[in-house]
Amino acid sequence: MSDPALLAGLEHALEASPGTMNPNSVLEDLPGWDSLGHLATIAVIDEQTGVTVSADDLRACRTLADLLQLCDGAPTS
């Protein structure tokens, strides 16, 4: 998925500077990857894609690519 609005929403939710996230971005390295960031991320994904992501699925994500797989409805590894 390469939806610019979704990416911008995720960058905002995770307190990342605009244009700095890429598929290889490690989520734990982002300033907003905490419990509030998790909630904001779940909300952004739901609002932008209509996909409901569980907290367990979110915690299984390591990179932005993993997170984007969730947005496509695909399980993460």
C-alpha atoms as a PDB file:
ATOM      1  CA  MET A   1       0.000   0.000   0.000  1.00  0.00           C
ATOM      2  CA  SER A   2       1.379   3.384  -0.923  1.00  0.00           C
ATOM      3  CA  ASP A   3      -1.467   5.688   0.095  1.00  0.00           C
ATOM      4  CA  PRO A   4       0.141   9.067   0.882  1.00  0.00           C
ATOM      5  CA  ALA A   5      -2.693  10.041   3.254  1.00  0.00           C
ATOM      6  CA  LEU A   6      -2.239   6.830   5.240  1.00  0.00           C
ATOM      7  CA  LEU A   7       1.512   7.307   5.435  1.00  0.00           C
ATOM      8  CA  ALA A   8       1.078  10.926   6.542  1.00  0.00           C
ATOM      9  CA  GLY A   9      -1.403   9.814   9.193  1.00  0.00           C
ATOM     10  CA  LEU A  10       0.968   7.147  10.479  1.00  0.00           C
ATOM     11  CA  GLU A  11       3.867   9.606  10.564  1.00  0.00           C
ATOM     12  CA  HIS A  12       1.746  12.001  12.602  1.00  0.00           C
ATOM     13  CA  ALA A  13       0.490   9.253  14.951  1.00  0.00           C
ATOM     14  CA  LEU A  14       4.032   8.013  15.546  1.00  0.00           C
ATOM     15  CA  GLU A  15       5.577  11.484  15.884  1.00  0.00           C
ATOM     16  CA  ALA A  16       7.872  10.957  12.901  1.00  0.00           C
ATOM     17  CA  SER A  17       8.990  13.870  10.753  1.00  0.00           C
ATOM     18  CA  PRO A  18       7.076  14.027   7.455  1.00  0.00           C
ATOM     19  CA  GLY A  19       8.766  12.062   4.699  1.00  0.00           C
ATOM     20  CA  THR A  20      11.122  10.162   7.012  1.00  0.00           C
ATOM     21  CA  MET A  21       9.342   6.809   7.215  1.00  0.00           C
ATOM     22  CA  ASN A  22       9.962   4.066   4.678  1.00  0.00           C
ATOM     23  CA  PRO A  23       9.051   0.345   4.576  1.00  0.00           C
ATOM     24  CA  ASN A  24      12.264  -0.533   6.429  1.00  0.00           C
ATOM     25  CA  SER A  25      11.617   1.908   9.293  1.00  0.00           C
ATOM     26  CA  VAL A  26      11.824   0.023  12.591  1.00  0.00           C
ATOM     27  CA  LEU A  27       8.771   0.946  14.626  1.00  0.00           C
ATOM     28  CA  GLU A  28      10.540   0.673  17.998  1.00  0.00           C
ATOM     29  CA  ASP A  29      12.937   3.399  16.842  1.00  0.00           C
ATOM     30  CA  LEU A  30      10.140   5.920  16.273  1.00  0.00           C
ATOM     31  CA  PRO A  31       9.530   8.462  19.048  1.00  0.00           C
ATOM     32  CA  GLY A  32       5.793   7.773  19.161  1.00  0.00           C
ATOM     33  CA  TRP A  33       5.925   3.973  19.328  1.00  0.00           C
ATOM     34  CA  ASP A  34       4.388   3.698  22.790  1.00  0.00           C
ATOM     35  CA  SER A  35       0.950   2.833  24.159  1.00  0.00           C
ATOM     36  CA  LEU A  36      -0.590   6.128  23.022  1.00  0.00           C
ATOM     37  CA  GLY A  37       1.080   5.792  19.635  1.00  0.00           C
ATOM     38  CA  HIS A  38      -0.341   2.286  19.333  1.00  0.00           C
ATOM     39  CA  LEU A  39      -3.865   3.605  19.923  1.00  0.00           C
ATOM     40  CA  ALA A  40      -3.330   6.450  17.464  1.00  0.00           C
ATOM     41  CA  THR A  41      -1.962   4.005  14.881  1.00  0.00           C
ATOM     42  CA  ILE A  42      -4.958   1.695  15.263  1.00  0.00           C
ATOM     43  CA  ALA A  43      -7.277   4.699  14.831  1.00  0.00           C
ATOM     44  CA  VAL A  44      -5.452   5.972  11.730  1.00  0.00           C
ATOM     45  CA  ILE A  45      -5.528   2.549  10.084  1.00  0.00           C
ATOM     46  CA  ASP A  46      -9.234   2.156  10.842  1.00  0.00           C
ATOM     47  CA  GLU A  47     -10.104   5.656   9.596  1.00  0.00           C
ATOM     48  CA  GLN A  48      -7.972   5.492   6.442  1.00  0.00           C
ATOM     49  CA  THR A  49      -8.527   1.867   5.389  1.00  0.00           C
ATOM     50  CA  GLY A  50     -11.509   0.505   7.297  1.00  0.00           C
ATOM     51  CA  VAL A  51      -9.301  -2.332   8.561  1.00  0.00           C
ATOM     52  CA  THR A  52      -9.627  -3.117  12.265  1.00  0.00           C
ATOM     53  CA  VAL A  53      -6.239  -3.983  13.758  1.00  0.00           C
ATOM     54  CA  SER A  54      -5.935  -5.696  17.129  1.00  0.00           C
ATOM     55  CA  ALA A  55      -3.364  -4.636  19.697  1.00  0.00           C
ATOM     56  CA  ASP A  56      -1.771  -8.095  19.433  1.00  0.00           C
ATOM     57  CA  ASP A  57      -1.404  -7.781  15.656  1.00  0.00           C
ATOM     58  CA  LEU A  58       0.056  -4.314  16.069  1.00  0.00           C
ATOM     59  CA  ARG A  59       2.607  -5.491  18.643  1.00  0.00           C
ATOM     60  CA  ALA A  60       3.720  -8.226  16.219  1.00  0.00           C
ATOM     61  CA  CYS A  61       4.825  -5.574  13.706  1.00  0.00           C
ATOM     62  CA  ARG A  62       8.520  -4.727  13.603  1.00  0.00           C
ATOM     63  CA  THR A  63       8.721  -2.463  10.579  1.00  0.00           C
ATOM     64  CA  LEU A  64       6.504  -0.091   8.650  1.00  0.00           C
ATOM     65  CA  ALA A  65       6.245  -2.794   5.960  1.00  0.00           C
ATOM     66  CA  ASP A  66       4.707  -5.133   8.561  1.00  0.00           C
ATOM     67  CA  LEU A  67       2.265  -2.406   9.540  1.00  0.00           C
ATOM     68  CA  LEU A  68       1.306  -1.787   5.921  1.00  0.00           C
ATOM     69  CA  GLN A  69       0.625  -5.522   5.499  1.00  0.00           C
ATOM     70  CA  LEU A  70      -1.936  -5.202   8.285  1.00  0.00           C
ATOM     71  CA  CYS A  71      -3.550  -2.355   6.374  1.00  0.00           C
ATOM     72  CA  ASP A  72      -3.932  -4.683   3.407  1.00  0.00           C
ATOM     73  CA  GLY A  73      -5.514  -7.291   5.688  1.00  0.00           C
ATOM     74  CA  ALA A  74      -2.556  -9.676   5.397  1.00  0.00           C
ATOM     75  CA  PRO A  75      -1.156 -11.409   8.490  1.00  0.00           C
ATOM     76  CA  THR A  76       2.346 -10.447   9.601  1.00  0.00           C
ATOM     77  CA  SER A  77       5.033 -13.078   9.997  1.00  0.00           C
END
